[in-house]
Amino acid sequence: MRMILTASLPHEPFNSLVRAGKAGTLLQEILAQLKPEAVYFTEEHGLRGAILIVDVADASQIPFFAEPFFLKFNADCRFRIAMTPADLGKAGLDALGKQWQ
């Protein structure tokens, strides 16, 4: 299932990793393991943030995606289900609308 993983990276330990020249390499290693469909880096509530689109085939895979961010960056992670326009087209909105009028 396609999900949006949002990771908020606190200033520490990230600042120390940047100063040590390790942050970029560590991020690349994590992304190589996770193989996200897409990745975006942004600011979130005054912190560094990462938004990844990942395919979570089973709920038991959630730690696979979250633990690198928890363990290496003390990050907060959130997962949300994401639909493409094609997914939404299969949702049966017209029938649901009639059912719940």
PDB file of N, CA and C in Angstrom:
ATOM      1  N   MET A   1       0.841  -1.162   0.000  1.00  0.00           N
ATOM      2  CA  MET A   1       0.000   0.000   0.000  1.00  0.00           C
ATOM      3  C   MET A   1       0.898   1.241   0.000  1.00  0.00           C
ATOM      4  N   ARG A   2       0.564   2.171  -0.854  1.00  0.00           N
ATOM      5  CA  ARG A   2       1.340   3.402  -0.944  1.00  0.00           C
ATOM      6  C   ARG A   2       1.060   4.258   0.291  1.00  0.00           C
ATOM      7  N   MET A   3       2.138   4.687   0.948  1.00  0.00           N
ATOM      8  CA  MET A   3       1.999   5.515   2.142  1.00  0.00           C
ATOM      9  C   MET A   3       2.955   6.696   2.065  1.00  0.00           C
ATOM     10  N   ILE A   4       2.571   7.755   2.756  1.00  0.00           N
ATOM     11  CA  ILE A   4       3.430   8.922   2.911  1.00  0.00           C
ATOM     12  C   ILE A   4       4.078   8.812   4.283  1.00  0.00           C
ATOM     13  N   LEU A   5       5.393   8.737   4.308  1.00  0.00           N
ATOM     14  CA  LEU A   5       6.165   8.739   5.550  1.00  0.00           C
ATOM     15  C   LEU A   5       6.732  10.137   5.723  1.00  0.00           C
ATOM     16  N   THR A   6       6.351  10.783   6.808  1.00  0.00           N
ATOM     17  CA  THR A   6       6.885  12.102   7.123  1.00  0.00           C
ATOM     18  C   THR A   6       7.784  11.958   8.340  1.00  0.00           C
ATOM     19  N   ALA A   7       9.029  12.372   8.203  1.00  0.00           N
ATOM     20  CA  ALA A   7       9.983  12.313   9.310  1.00  0.00           C
ATOM     21  C   ALA A   7      10.397  13.734   9.683  1.00  0.00           C
ATOM     22  N   SER A   8      10.232  14.090  10.948  1.00  0.00           N
ATOM     23  CA  SER A   8      10.704  15.373  11.467  1.00  0.00           C
ATOM     24  C   SER A   8      12.020  15.117  12.188  1.00  0.00           C
ATOM     25  N   LEU A   9      13.063  15.792  11.730  1.00  0.00           N
ATOM     26  CA  LEU A   9      14.411  15.542  12.239  1.00  0.00           C
ATOM     27  C   LEU A   9      14.812  16.657  13.201  1.00  0.00           C
ATOM     28  N   PRO A  10      14.943  16.359  14.495  1.00  0.00           N
ATOM     29  CA  PRO A  10      15.309  17.398  15.448  1.00  0.00           C
ATOM     30  C   PRO A  10      16.717  17.928  15.175  1.00  0.00           C
ATOM     31  N   HIS A  11      16.983  19.115  15.684  1.00  0.00           N
ATOM     32  CA  HIS A  11      18.283  19.755  15.435  1.00  0.00           C
ATOM     33  C   HIS A  11      19.450  18.870  15.868  1.00  0.00           C
ATOM     34  N   GLU A  12      19.292  18.193  16.979  1.00  0.00           N
ATOM     35  CA  GLU A  12      20.309  17.232  17.408  1.00  0.00           C
ATOM     36  C   GLU A  12      19.686  15.843  17.394  1.00  0.00           C
ATOM     37  N   PRO A  13      20.357  14.893  16.828  1.00  0.00           N
ATOM     38  CA  PRO A  13      21.770  14.867  16.484  1.00  0.00           C
ATOM     39  C   PRO A  13      22.101  15.345  15.069  1.00  0.00           C
ATOM     40  N   PHE A  14      21.114  15.842  14.309  1.00  0.00           N
ATOM     41  CA  PHE A  14      21.364  16.165  12.906  1.00  0.00           C
ATOM     42  C   PHE A  14      22.455  17.223  12.742  1.00  0.00           C
ATOM     43  N   ASN A  15      22.420  18.296  13.556  1.00  0.00           N
ATOM     44  CA  ASN A  15      23.459  19.325  13.439  1.00  0.00           C
ATOM     45  C   ASN A  15      24.852  18.733  13.628  1.00  0.00           C
ATOM     46  N   SER A  16      24.993  17.873  14.616  1.00  0.00           N
ATOM     47  CA  SER A  16      26.305  17.251  14.865  1.00  0.00           C
ATOM     48  C   SER A  16      26.735  16.366  13.702  1.00  0.00           C
ATOM     49  N   LEU A  17      25.783  15.671  13.093  1.00  0.00           N
ATOM     50  CA  LEU A  17      26.104  14.835  11.938  1.00  0.00           C
ATOM     51  C   LEU A  17      26.515  15.681  10.738  1.00  0.00           C
ATOM     52  N   VAL A  18      25.869  16.824  10.554  1.00  0.00           N
ATOM     53  CA  VAL A  18      26.252  17.734   9.467  1.00  0.00           C
ATOM     54  C   VAL A  18      27.670  18.245   9.708  1.00  0.00           C
ATOM     55  N   ARG A  19      27.944  18.689  10.930  1.00  0.00           N
ATOM     56  CA  ARG A  19      29.285  19.211  11.252  1.00  0.00           C
ATOM     57  C   ARG A  19      30.366  18.153  11.056  1.00  0.00           C
ATOM     58  N   ALA A  20      30.026  16.896  11.334  1.00  0.00           N
ATOM     59  CA  ALA A  20      30.993  15.802  11.191  1.00  0.00           C
ATOM     60  C   ALA A  20      31.084  15.303   9.747  1.00  0.00           C
ATOM     61  N   GLY A  21      30.262  15.865   8.860  1.00  0.00           N
ATOM     62  CA  GLY A  21      30.293  15.433   7.465  1.00  0.00           C
ATOM     63  C   GLY A  21      29.664  14.069   7.230  1.00  0.00           C
ATOM     64  N   LYS A  22      28.729  13.668   8.113  1.00  0.00           N
ATOM     65  CA  LYS A  22      28.139  12.332   8.020  1.00  0.00           C
ATOM     66  C   LYS A  22      26.666  12.336   7.621  1.00  0.00           C
ATOM     67  N   ALA A  23      25.992  13.453   7.703  1.00  0.00           N
ATOM     68  CA  ALA A  23      24.541  13.479   7.494  1.00  0.00           C
ATOM     69  C   ALA A  23      24.153  13.035   6.081  1.00  0.00           C
ATOM     70  N   GLY A  24      24.817  13.576   5.080  1.00  0.00           N
ATOM     71  CA  GLY A  24      24.486  13.245   3.692  1.00  0.00           C
ATOM     72  C   GLY A  24      24.692  11.776   3.380  1.00  0.00           C
ATOM     73  N   THR A  25      25.809  11.238   3.816  1.00  0.00           N
ATOM     74  CA  THR A  25      26.112   9.828   3.572  1.00  0.00           C
ATOM     75  C   THR A  25      25.100   8.934   4.276  1.00  0.00           C
ATOM     76  N   LEU A  26      24.771   9.275   5.504  1.00  0.00           N
ATOM     77  CA  LEU A  26      23.810   8.491   6.269  1.00  0.00           C
ATOM     78  C   LEU A  26      22.428   8.514   5.616  1.00  0.00           C
ATOM     79  N   LEU A  27      22.002   9.687   5.165  1.00  0.00           N
ATOM     80  CA  LEU A  27      20.719   9.772   4.462  1.00  0.00           C
ATOM     81  C   LEU A  27      20.724   8.926   3.194  1.00  0.00           C
ATOM     82  N   GLN A  28      21.813   8.973   2.443  1.00  0.00           N
ATOM     83  CA  GLN A  28      21.900   8.175   1.216  1.00  0.00           C
ATOM     84  C   GLN A  28      21.833   6.677   1.519  1.00  0.00           C
ATOM     85  N   GLU A  29      22.482   6.249   2.601  1.00  0.00           N
ATOM     86  CA  GLU A  29      22.437   4.831   2.984  1.00  0.00           C
ATOM     87  C   GLU A  29      21.013   4.407   3.337  1.00  0.00           C
ATOM     88  N   ILE A  30      20.317   5.251   4.093  1.00  0.00           N
ATOM     89  CA  ILE A  30      18.941   4.940   4.483  1.00  0.00           C
ATOM     90  C   ILE A  30      18.057   4.860   3.243  1.00  0.00           C
ATOM     91  N   LEU A  31      18.155   5.836   2.364  1.00  0.00           N
ATOM     92  CA  LEU A  31      17.317   5.859   1.162  1.00  0.00           C
ATOM     93  C   LEU A  31      17.613   4.675   0.246  1.00  0.00           C
ATOM     94  N   ALA A  32      18.867   4.260   0.176  1.00  0.00           N
ATOM     95  CA  ALA A  32      19.224   3.095  -0.638  1.00  0.00           C
ATOM     96  C   ALA A  32      18.552   1.828  -0.097  1.00  0.00           C
ATOM     97  N   GLN A  33      18.429   1.730   1.225  1.00  0.00           N
ATOM     98  CA  GLN A  33      17.760   0.573   1.831  1.00  0.00           C
ATOM     99  C   GLN A  33      16.250   0.632   1.650  1.00  0.00           C
ATOM    100  N   LEU A  34      15.670   1.814   1.857  1.00  0.00           N
ATOM    101  CA  LEU A  34      14.212   1.942   1.837  1.00  0.00           C
ATOM    102  C   LEU A  34      13.624   1.940   0.434  1.00  0.00           C
ATOM    103  N   LYS A  35      14.385   2.402  -0.539  1.00  0.00           N
ATOM    104  CA  LYS A  35      13.942   2.467  -1.938  1.00  0.00           C
ATOM    105  C   LYS A  35      12.573   3.152  -2.089  1.00  0.00           C
ATOM    106  N   PRO A  36      12.452   4.394  -1.616  1.00  0.00           N
ATOM    107  CA  PRO A  36      11.173   5.088  -1.749  1.00  0.00           C
ATOM    108  C   PRO A  36      10.852   5.415  -3.202  1.00  0.00           C
ATOM    109  N   GLU A  37       9.569   5.555  -3.481  1.00  0.00           N
ATOM    110  CA  GLU A  37       9.108   5.961  -4.808  1.00  0.00           C
ATOM    111  C   GLU A  37       9.513   7.409  -5.088  1.00  0.00           C
ATOM    112  N   ALA A  38       9.460   8.237  -4.060  1.00  0.00           N
ATOM    113  CA  ALA A  38       9.857   9.648  -4.166  1.00  0.00           C
ATOM    114  C   ALA A  38      10.298  10.119  -2.788  1.00  0.00           C
ATOM    115  N   VAL A  39      11.158  11.149  -2.771  1.00  0.00           N
ATOM    116  CA  VAL A  39      11.638  11.746  -1.523  1.00  0.00           C
ATOM    117  C   VAL A  39      11.705  13.253  -1.703  1.00  0.00           C
ATOM    118  N   TYR A  40      11.255  13.965  -0.685  1.00  0.00           N
ATOM    119  CA  TYR A  40      11.349  15.426  -0.673  1.00  0.00           C
ATOM    120  C   TYR A  40      11.838  15.849   0.699  1.00  0.00           C
ATOM    121  N   PHE A  41      12.706  16.836   0.728  1.00  0.00           N
ATOM    122  CA  PHE A  41      13.203  17.385   1.984  1.00  0.00           C
ATOM    123  C   PHE A  41      12.632  18.778   2.143  1.00  0.00           C
ATOM    124  N   THR A  42      12.206  19.100   3.348  1.00  0.00           N
ATOM    125  CA  THR A  42      11.505  20.348   3.587  1.00  0.00           C
ATOM    126  C   THR A  42      11.677  20.777   5.040  1.00  0.00           C
ATOM    127  N   GLU A  43      11.117  21.902   5.354  1.00  0.00           N
ATOM    128  CA  GLU A  43      11.027  22.378   6.734  1.00  0.00           C
ATOM    129  C   GLU A  43       9.672  21.957   7.272  1.00  0.00           C
ATOM    130  N   GLU A  44       9.636  21.530   8.524  1.00  0.00           N
ATOM    131  CA  GLU A  44       8.371  21.173   9.149  1.00  0.00           C
ATOM    132  C   GLU A  44       8.386  21.634  10.596  1.00  0.00           C
ATOM    133  N   HIS A  45       7.568  22.645  10.900  1.00  0.00           N
ATOM    134  CA  HIS A  45       7.460  23.189  12.255  1.00  0.00           C
ATOM    135  C   HIS A  45       8.819  23.626  12.804  1.00  0.00           C
ATOM    136  N   GLY A  46       9.622  24.239  11.959  1.00  0.00           N
ATOM    137  CA  GLY A  46      10.930  24.734  12.378  1.00  0.00           C
ATOM    138  C   GLY A  46      12.026  23.687  12.404  1.00  0.00           C
ATOM    139  N   LEU A  47      11.723  22.483  12.002  1.00  0.00           N
ATOM    140  CA  LEU A  47      12.711  21.403  11.976  1.00  0.00           C
ATOM    141  C   LEU A  47      12.947  20.962  10.549  1.00  0.00           C
ATOM    142  N   ARG A  48      14.042  20.254  10.342  1.00  0.00           N
ATOM    143  CA  ARG A  48      14.260  19.615   9.051  1.00  0.00           C
ATOM    144  C   ARG A  48      13.216  18.519   8.896  1.00  0.00           C
ATOM    145  N   GLY A  49      12.770  18.328   7.674  1.00  0.00           N
ATOM    146  CA  GLY A  49      11.771  17.298   7.435  1.00  0.00           C
ATOM    147  C   GLY A  49      12.065  16.521   6.177  1.00  0.00           C
ATOM    148  N   ALA A  50      11.587  15.297   6.151  1.00  0.00           N
ATOM    149  CA  ALA A  50      11.687  14.445   4.969  1.00  0.00           C
ATOM    150  C   ALA A  50      10.306  13.848   4.717  1.00  0.00           C
ATOM    151  N   ILE A  51       9.915  13.844   3.452  1.00  0.00           N
ATOM    152  CA  ILE A  51       8.653  13.239   3.044  1.00  0.00           C
ATOM    153  C   ILE A  51       8.998  12.164   2.027  1.00  0.00           C
ATOM    154  N   LEU A  52       8.637  10.936   2.347  1.00  0.00           N
ATOM    155  CA  LEU A  52       8.929   9.804   1.468  1.00  0.00           C
ATOM    156  C   LEU A  52       7.623   9.149   1.053  1.00  0.00           C
ATOM    157  N   ILE A  53       7.554   8.741  -0.192  1.00  0.00           N
ATOM    158  CA  ILE A  53       6.447   7.920  -0.669  1.00  0.00           C
ATOM    159  C   ILE A  53       6.985   6.500  -0.711  1.00  0.00           C
ATOM    160  N   VAL A  54       6.380   5.619   0.100  1.00  0.00           N
ATOM    161  CA  VAL A  54       6.876   4.253   0.233  1.00  0.00           C
ATOM    162  C   VAL A  54       5.752   3.251   0.006  1.00  0.00           C
ATOM    163  N   ASP A  55       6.124   2.049  -0.396  1.00  0.00           N
ATOM    164  CA  ASP A  55       5.161   0.969  -0.578  1.00  0.00           C
ATOM    165  C   ASP A  55       5.268   0.049   0.629  1.00  0.00           C
ATOM    166  N   VAL A  56       4.246   0.071   1.468  1.00  0.00           N
ATOM    167  CA  VAL A  56       4.207  -0.767   2.666  1.00  0.00           C
ATOM    168  C   VAL A  56       3.264  -1.928   2.367  1.00  0.00           C
ATOM    169  N   ALA A  57       3.832  -3.082   2.071  1.00  0.00           N
ATOM    170  CA  ALA A  57       3.035  -4.245   1.688  1.00  0.00           C
ATOM    171  C   ALA A  57       2.286  -4.832   2.879  1.00  0.00           C
ATOM    172  N   ASP A  58       2.828  -4.671   4.074  1.00  0.00           N
ATOM    173  CA  ASP A  58       2.233  -5.253   5.274  1.00  0.00           C
ATOM    174  C   ASP A  58       2.581  -4.344   6.455  1.00  0.00           C
ATOM    175  N   ALA A  59       1.682  -4.228   7.421  1.00  0.00           N
ATOM    176  CA  ALA A  59       1.910  -3.365   8.583  1.00  0.00           C
ATOM    177  C   ALA A  59       3.203  -3.730   9.318  1.00  0.00           C
ATOM    178  N   SER A  60       3.610  -4.979   9.238  1.00  0.00           N
ATOM    179  CA  SER A  60       4.840  -5.389   9.916  1.00  0.00           C
ATOM    180  C   SER A  60       6.086  -4.731   9.323  1.00  0.00           C
ATOM    181  N   GLN A  61       5.958  -4.105   8.156  1.00  0.00           N
ATOM    182  CA  GLN A  61       7.093  -3.409   7.536  1.00  0.00           C
ATOM    183  C   GLN A  61       7.297  -1.989   8.066  1.00  0.00           C
ATOM    184  N   ILE A  62       6.356  -1.479   8.829  1.00  0.00           N
ATOM    185  CA  ILE A  62       6.472  -0.101   9.310  1.00  0.00           C
ATOM    186  C   ILE A  62       7.793   0.132  10.051  1.00  0.00           C
ATOM    187  N   PRO A  63       8.218  -0.759  10.948  1.00  0.00           N
ATOM    188  CA  PRO A  63       9.525  -0.531  11.588  1.00  0.00           C
ATOM    189  C   PRO A  63      10.683  -0.470  10.593  1.00  0.00           C
ATOM    190  N   PHE A  64      10.626  -1.258   9.522  1.00  0.00           N
ATOM    191  CA  PHE A  64      11.675  -1.218   8.498  1.00  0.00           C
ATOM    192  C   PHE A  64      11.864   0.201   7.977  1.00  0.00           C
ATOM    193  N   PHE A  65      10.752   0.921   7.775  1.00  0.00           N
ATOM    194  CA  PHE A  65      10.825   2.275   7.240  1.00  0.00           C
ATOM    195  C   PHE A  65      11.114   3.317   8.318  1.00  0.00           C
ATOM    196  N   ALA A  66      10.615   3.128   9.519  1.00  0.00           N
ATOM    197  CA  ALA A  66      10.741   4.156  10.558  1.00  0.00           C
ATOM    198  C   ALA A  66      12.022   4.057  11.383  1.00  0.00           C
ATOM    199  N   GLU A  67      12.458   2.855  11.703  1.00  0.00           N
ATOM    200  CA  GLU A  67      13.588   2.696  12.627  1.00  0.00           C
ATOM    201  C   GLU A  67      14.863   3.428  12.206  1.00  0.00           C
ATOM    202  N   PRO A  68      15.240   3.451  10.918  1.00  0.00           N
ATOM    203  CA  PRO A  68      16.455   4.207  10.587  1.00  0.00           C
ATOM    204  C   PRO A  68      16.364   5.676  11.009  1.00  0.00           C
ATOM    205  N   PHE A  69      15.196   6.273  10.855  1.00  0.00           N
ATOM    206  CA  PHE A  69      15.015   7.678  11.242  1.00  0.00           C
ATOM    207  C   PHE A  69      14.963   7.832  12.759  1.00  0.00           C
ATOM    208  N   PHE A  70      14.309   6.878  13.445  1.00  0.00           N
ATOM    209  CA  PHE A  70      14.279   6.910  14.903  1.00  0.00           C
ATOM    210  C   PHE A  70      15.691   6.775  15.477  1.00  0.00           C
ATOM    211  N   LEU A  71      16.404   5.743  15.023  1.00  0.00           N
ATOM    212  CA  LEU A  71      17.685   5.391  15.632  1.00  0.00           C
ATOM    213  C   LEU A  71      18.829   6.333  15.263  1.00  0.00           C
ATOM    214  N   LYS A  72      18.849   6.811  14.036  1.00  0.00           N
ATOM    215  CA  LYS A  72      19.971   7.647  13.590  1.00  0.00           C
ATOM    216  C   LYS A  72      19.740   9.135  13.828  1.00  0.00           C
ATOM    217  N   PHE A  73      18.467   9.570  13.838  1.00  0.00           N
ATOM    218  CA  PHE A  73      18.188  11.007  13.913  1.00  0.00           C
ATOM    219  C   PHE A  73      17.259  11.405  15.060  1.00  0.00           C
ATOM    220  N   ASN A  74      16.814  10.457  15.885  1.00  0.00           N
ATOM    221  CA  ASN A  74      15.822  10.757  16.929  1.00  0.00           C
ATOM    222  C   ASN A  74      14.586  11.424  16.332  1.00  0.00           C
ATOM    223  N   ALA A  75      14.202  11.002  15.148  1.00  0.00           N
ATOM    224  CA  ALA A  75      13.109  11.626  14.401  1.00  0.00           C
ATOM    225  C   ALA A  75      11.746  11.174  14.917  1.00  0.00           C
ATOM    226  N   ASP A  76      10.756  12.009  14.640  1.00  0.00           N
ATOM    227  CA  ASP A  76       9.354  11.638  14.799  1.00  0.00           C
ATOM    228  C   ASP A  76       8.872  11.234  13.405  1.00  0.00           C
ATOM    229  N   CYS A  77       8.175  10.103  13.309  1.00  0.00           N
ATOM    230  CA  CYS A  77       7.697   9.608  12.017  1.00  0.00           C
ATOM    231  C   CYS A  77       6.185   9.435  12.045  1.00  0.00           C
ATOM    232  N   ARG A  78       5.576   9.763  10.930  1.00  0.00           N
ATOM    233  CA  ARG A  78       4.137   9.580  10.753  1.00  0.00           C
ATOM    234  C   ARG A  78       3.898   8.893   9.412  1.00  0.00           C
ATOM    235  N   PHE A  79       2.907   8.023   9.384  1.00  0.00           N
ATOM    236  CA  PHE A  79       2.529   7.317   8.162  1.00  0.00           C
ATOM    237  C   PHE A  79       1.086   7.666   7.822  1.00  0.00           C
ATOM    238  N   ARG A  80       0.841   7.943   6.545  1.00  0.00           N
ATOM    239  CA  ARG A  80      -0.519   8.193   6.067  1.00  0.00           C
ATOM    240  C   ARG A  80      -0.706   7.427   4.765  1.00  0.00           C
ATOM    241  N   ILE A  81      -1.900   6.879   4.594  1.00  0.00           N
ATOM    242  CA  ILE A  81      -2.226   6.197   3.344  1.00  0.00           C
ATOM    243  C   ILE A  81      -2.326   7.249   2.246  1.00  0.00           C
ATOM    244  N   ALA A  82      -1.831   6.914   1.060  1.00  0.00           N
ATOM    245  CA  ALA A  82      -1.873   7.836  -0.079  1.00  0.00           C
ATOM    246  C   ALA A  82      -2.537   7.132  -1.262  1.00  0.00           C
ATOM    247  N   MET A  83      -3.393   7.868  -1.961  1.00  0.00           N
ATOM    248  CA  MET A  83      -4.041   7.334  -3.148  1.00  0.00           C
ATOM    249  C   MET A  83      -3.634   8.143  -4.368  1.00  0.00           C
ATOM    250  N   THR A  84      -3.475   7.448  -5.479  1.00  0.00           N
ATOM    251  CA  THR A  84      -3.292   8.107  -6.763  1.00  0.00           C
ATOM    252  C   THR A  84      -4.683   8.427  -7.323  1.00  0.00           C
ATOM    253  N   PRO A  85      -4.762   9.232  -8.394  1.00  0.00           N
ATOM    254  CA  PRO A  85      -6.067   9.444  -9.015  1.00  0.00           C
ATOM    255  C   PRO A  85      -6.722   8.130  -9.459  1.00  0.00           C
ATOM    256  N   ALA A  86      -5.924   7.179  -9.913  1.00  0.00           N
ATOM    257  CA  ALA A  86      -6.480   5.882 -10.314  1.00  0.00           C
ATOM    258  C   ALA A  86      -7.075   5.145  -9.113  1.00  0.00           C
ATOM    259  N   ASP A  87      -6.400   5.205  -7.967  1.00  0.00           N
ATOM    260  CA  ASP A  87      -6.929   4.577  -6.752  1.00  0.00           C
ATOM    261  C   ASP A  87      -8.264   5.209  -6.374  1.00  0.00           C
ATOM    262  N   LEU A  88      -8.314   6.528  -6.417  1.00  0.00           N
ATOM    263  CA  LEU A  88      -9.546   7.231  -6.076  1.00  0.00           C
ATOM    264  C   LEU A  88     -10.668   6.863  -7.044  1.00  0.00           C
ATOM    265  N   GLY A  89     -10.321   6.664  -8.318  1.00  0.00           N
ATOM    266  CA  GLY A  89     -11.308   6.257  -9.308  1.00  0.00           C
ATOM    267  C   GLY A  89     -11.938   4.906  -9.006  1.00  0.00           C
ATOM    268  N   LYS A  90     -11.187   4.031  -8.330  1.00  0.00           N
ATOM    269  CA  LYS A  90     -11.701   2.709  -7.971  1.00  0.00           C
ATOM    270  C   LYS A  90     -12.483   2.712  -6.658  1.00  0.00           C
ATOM    271  N   ALA A  91     -12.552   3.857  -5.997  1.00  0.00           N
ATOM    272  CA  ALA A  91     -13.156   3.921  -4.666  1.00  0.00           C
ATOM    273  C   ALA A  91     -14.673   3.805  -4.661  1.00  0.00           C
ATOM    274  N   GLY A  92     -15.314   4.002  -5.801  1.00  0.00           N
ATOM    275  CA  GLY A  92     -16.763   3.911  -5.847  1.00  0.00           C
ATOM    276  C   GLY A  92     -17.460   5.082  -5.177  1.00  0.00           C
ATOM    277  N   LEU A  93     -16.942   6.278  -5.357  1.00  0.00           N
ATOM    278  CA  LEU A  93     -17.515   7.450  -4.696  1.00  0.00           C
ATOM    279  C   LEU A  93     -18.977   7.689  -5.075  1.00  0.00           C
ATOM    280  N   ASP A  94     -19.339   7.476  -6.329  1.00  0.00           N
ATOM    281  CA  ASP A  94     -20.723   7.701  -6.752  1.00  0.00           C
ATOM    282  C   ASP A  94     -21.680   6.773  -5.993  1.00  0.00           C
ATOM    283  N   ALA A  95     -21.325   5.503  -5.890  1.00  0.00           N
ATOM    284  CA  ALA A  95     -22.167   4.549  -5.169  1.00  0.00           C
ATOM    285  C   ALA A  95     -22.226   4.881  -3.686  1.00  0.00           C
ATOM    286  N   LEU A  96     -21.103   5.300  -3.121  1.00  0.00           N
ATOM    287  CA  LEU A  96     -21.090   5.689  -1.704  1.00  0.00           C
ATOM    288  C   LEU A  96     -21.959   6.916  -1.468  1.00  0.00           C
ATOM    289  N   GLY A  97     -21.901   7.846  -2.408  1.00  0.00           N
ATOM    290  CA  GLY A  97     -22.729   9.039  -2.287  1.00  0.00           C
ATOM    291  C   GLY A  97     -24.203   8.699  -2.276  1.00  0.00           C
ATOM    292  N   LYS A  98     -24.621   7.754  -3.120  1.00  0.00           N
ATOM    293  CA  LYS A  98     -26.026   7.329  -3.148  1.00  0.00           C
ATOM    294  C   LYS A  98     -26.397   6.593  -1.872  1.00  0.00           C
ATOM    295  N   GLN A  99     -25.472   5.760  -1.388  1.00  0.00           N
ATOM    296  CA  GLN A  99     -25.735   4.983  -0.177  1.00  0.00           C
ATOM    297  C   GLN A  99     -25.890   5.881   1.040  1.00  0.00           C
ATOM    298  N   TRP A 100     -25.120   6.965   1.124  1.00  0.00           N
ATOM    299  CA  TRP A 100     -25.082   7.783   2.335  1.00  0.00           C
ATOM    300  C   TRP A 100     -25.734   9.139   2.173  1.00  0.00           C
ATOM    301  N   GLN A 101     -26.692   9.256   1.239  1.00  0.00           N
ATOM    302  CA  GLN A 101     -27.403  10.535   1.056  1.00  0.00           C
ATOM    303  C   GLN A 101     -28.163  10.924   2.283  1.00  0.00           C
TER     304      GLN A 101
END
